[in-house]
Protein backbone atom coordinates (compact mmCIF):
# COMPACT_ATOMS: atom_id res chain seq x y z
CA MET A 1 175.26 157.55 108.35
CA ASN A 2 172.92 154.67 107.95
CA THR A 3 173.42 151.54 105.58
CA LYS A 4 171.21 152.89 102.99
CA THR A 5 173.29 155.85 102.48
CA LYS A 6 176.64 154.12 102.60
CA THR A 7 175.43 151.71 99.94
CA ILE A 8 174.37 154.63 97.79
CA SER A 9 177.54 156.42 98.37
CA ALA A 10 179.67 153.42 97.51
CA LEU A 11 177.82 152.84 94.39
CA TYR A 12 178.09 156.27 93.24
CA ILE A 13 181.88 156.07 93.78
CA ILE A 14 182.09 152.74 91.90
CA CYS A 15 180.20 154.20 89.01
CA ILE A 16 182.57 157.20 88.59
CA PHE A 17 185.46 154.79 88.89
CA CYS A 18 184.12 152.64 86.07
CA ILE A 19 183.40 155.43 83.86
CA SER A 20 186.79 156.96 84.27
CA VAL A 21 188.51 153.76 83.77
CA CYS A 22 186.45 152.56 80.79
CA CYS A 23 186.16 155.91 78.89
CA GLY A 24 189.41 157.29 79.87
CA SER A 25 190.28 160.58 81.30
CA THR A 26 188.84 162.71 78.34
CA VAL A 27 185.24 162.23 79.92
CA PHE A 28 185.97 164.92 82.35
CA ALA A 29 188.22 167.12 80.50
CA GLN A 30 187.86 169.16 77.23
CA ARG A 31 188.78 167.28 74.23
CA SER A 32 192.51 168.30 72.86
CA ASP A 33 191.38 169.01 69.27
CA SER A 34 188.83 171.71 70.43
CA VAL A 35 191.52 173.75 71.75
CA ASN A 36 193.41 174.35 68.54
CA ILE A 37 192.51 177.46 66.99
CA ASN A 38 193.05 177.77 63.19
CA SER A 39 194.61 181.19 62.43
CA LYS A 40 193.81 180.77 58.62
CA TYR A 41 190.86 182.71 57.31
CA LYS A 42 188.97 182.37 54.05
CA ARG A 43 189.06 185.53 52.05
CA ILE A 44 185.46 186.82 51.31
CA VAL A 45 185.01 188.70 47.95
CA LYS A 46 181.92 190.98 48.32
CA THR A 47 181.84 192.47 44.82
CA PRO A 48 181.98 190.17 41.88
CA GLN A 49 184.92 190.10 39.49
CA ILE A 50 184.33 189.66 35.78
CA ARG A 51 187.43 188.46 33.85
CA GLY A 52 187.72 188.53 30.20
CA ASP A 53 187.89 190.94 27.43
CA VAL A 54 184.41 191.94 26.65
CA PRO A 55 183.95 194.83 24.37
CA SER A 56 181.46 197.49 25.26
CA TYR A 57 178.52 197.73 23.22
CA LYS A 58 178.28 200.66 20.65
CA PRO A 59 175.29 200.54 18.44
CA SER A 60 175.78 201.49 14.70
CA TYR A 61 172.20 202.49 14.25
CA ILE A 62 170.20 204.68 16.35
CA PRO A 63 166.53 204.48 16.04
CA GLY A 64 164.77 207.56 15.01
CA SER A 65 167.55 208.96 13.12
CA SER A 66 168.16 209.18 9.53
CA TYR A 67 171.76 207.40 9.74
CA THR A 68 172.08 204.40 7.63
CA PRO A 69 175.23 202.23 8.04
CA ALA A 70 177.86 202.19 5.23
CA ASN A 71 177.31 198.57 4.66
CA GLY A 72 173.64 199.22 3.87
CA LEU A 73 172.22 196.27 5.75
CA LEU A 74 169.04 198.07 6.82
CA SER A 75 168.07 198.67 3.07
CA HIS A 76 168.28 194.97 2.02
CA GLY A 77 165.65 193.33 4.28
CA ARG A 78 168.09 192.88 7.19
CA SER A 79 168.26 194.48 10.57
CA ALA A 80 171.39 196.25 12.13
CA SER A 81 172.51 192.99 13.73
CA GLY A 82 172.78 191.30 10.26
CA ARG A 83 169.76 188.92 10.64
CA PRO A 84 166.75 189.02 8.27
CA ASP A 85 163.82 191.23 9.26
CA LYS A 86 160.72 189.50 10.57
CA ILE A 87 158.43 188.78 8.01
CA LEU A 88 155.58 187.23 9.99
CA SER A 89 154.14 188.45 13.34
CA VAL A 90 151.12 186.62 14.90
CA LEU A 91 149.18 189.57 16.79
CA LYS A 92 146.16 187.60 18.17
CA VAL A 93 144.75 183.96 18.29
CA TYR A 94 141.22 184.16 19.89
CA PRO A 95 139.16 182.76 21.51
CA ASN A 96 141.47 180.34 23.36
CA PRO A 97 140.13 177.84 24.29
CA VAL A 98 138.61 177.17 21.01
CA ASP A 99 134.97 175.66 20.55
CA ASP A 100 134.03 175.81 16.95
CA GLN A 101 135.88 178.67 15.26
CA ILE A 102 139.20 180.41 15.58
CA ASN A 103 140.15 183.79 14.69
CA LEU A 104 143.67 184.87 13.84
CA THR A 105 145.14 188.19 13.40
CA LEU A 106 148.57 188.38 11.94
CA ARG A 107 150.84 190.89 10.01
CA LEU A 108 153.01 190.20 7.06
CA GLU A 109 155.87 192.61 6.25
CA ARG A 110 155.91 191.50 2.78
CA GLU A 111 153.78 189.51 0.17
CA SER A 112 154.59 185.72 0.94
CA ASN A 113 153.20 182.11 0.92
CA LEU A 114 151.53 181.52 4.32
CA SER A 115 150.81 178.08 5.67
CA ILE A 116 148.61 177.43 8.66
CA LYS A 117 148.52 174.00 10.29
CA ILE A 118 147.39 172.51 13.64
CA MET A 119 149.78 170.12 15.11
CA ASP A 120 149.40 167.73 18.09
CA LEU A 121 151.58 167.41 21.04
CA LEU A 122 154.01 165.10 19.24
CA GLY A 123 154.40 167.45 16.29
CA ASN A 124 152.32 165.48 13.94
CA GLU A 125 150.30 167.49 11.31
CA VAL A 126 146.57 167.10 12.20
CA VAL A 127 144.82 169.78 9.99
CA THR A 128 145.92 172.22 7.28
CA LEU A 129 143.97 175.31 7.72
CA SER A 130 145.45 177.38 5.19
CA ASN A 131 148.26 177.41 2.45
CA GLU A 132 148.06 180.49 0.25
CA ARG A 133 149.83 183.49 -0.95
CA LEU A 134 148.96 186.71 1.03
CA SER A 135 149.73 190.39 0.52
CA ALA A 136 151.77 192.43 2.80
CA GLY A 137 149.88 194.07 5.70
CA GLU A 138 147.67 192.95 8.74
CA GLN A 139 145.22 190.23 7.98
CA THR A 140 142.37 188.66 9.95
CA LYS A 141 141.56 185.13 9.22
CA THR A 142 138.64 183.00 10.65
CA PHE A 143 138.69 179.13 10.50
CA THR A 144 136.26 176.28 11.39
CA ILE A 145 137.85 173.73 13.74
CA PRO A 146 137.05 170.28 12.32
CA ASN A 147 134.67 167.89 14.46
CA ARG A 148 137.24 165.13 14.22
CA LEU A 149 139.64 166.87 16.61
CA ASN A 150 139.42 165.68 20.12
CA SER A 151 139.24 167.99 23.16
CA GLY A 152 142.91 168.81 24.32
CA ILE A 153 145.98 170.98 23.71
CA TYR A 154 147.38 171.57 19.99
CA PHE A 155 149.78 173.83 18.46
CA LEU A 156 149.03 176.38 15.38
CA ARG A 157 152.15 176.50 13.17
CA PHE A 158 152.55 179.58 10.85
CA VAL A 159 155.12 179.29 8.25
CA ALA A 160 156.05 182.36 5.94
CA GLY A 161 158.95 181.98 3.86
CA SER A 162 161.75 180.43 5.99
CA GLU A 163 160.03 182.02 9.31
CA THR A 164 157.93 179.78 11.63
CA VAL A 165 155.87 180.87 14.55
CA VAL A 166 154.08 178.32 16.75
CA LYS A 167 151.21 179.22 19.20
CA ARG A 168 149.50 177.00 21.75
CA ILE A 169 145.75 176.49 21.66
CA SER A 170 143.19 174.35 23.55
CA ILE A 171 140.30 172.72 21.89
CA LEU A 172 137.28 172.06 23.76
């Protein structure tokens, strides 16, 4: 062995000794906490469980049958759920985006006052297009959009009785 090899071997031994002294004996052995095996396991539920007393749904009115509930809710302008029937249905708003004219097709279930207004994004009333009493049935209305409206997004608010329907429009 020559002196170069002896020097390298001596440095190697000194390095191993320093590492073992500075870092302790755990450098060369497995850590003690990794040996512990936890025998507790977490139970995994694969099917969801719903807790609570929820009654099953049983309709009191079957569509297409001649059965009317004893309380007569269907004959007084109310649906089977007890809510008032829909007075207003907005069928079409065209063309959208709007350039100079807008066409509206809507249906009223009974004669009522109808108000149609253009609202801005903040909910401020910009223009009232219509405020009149209309008969029941399907109606088609055509309105000219005022030139003072800037291009942008607006809302049409239809009010019939206590019912309100809002539709979004874009004005070019």
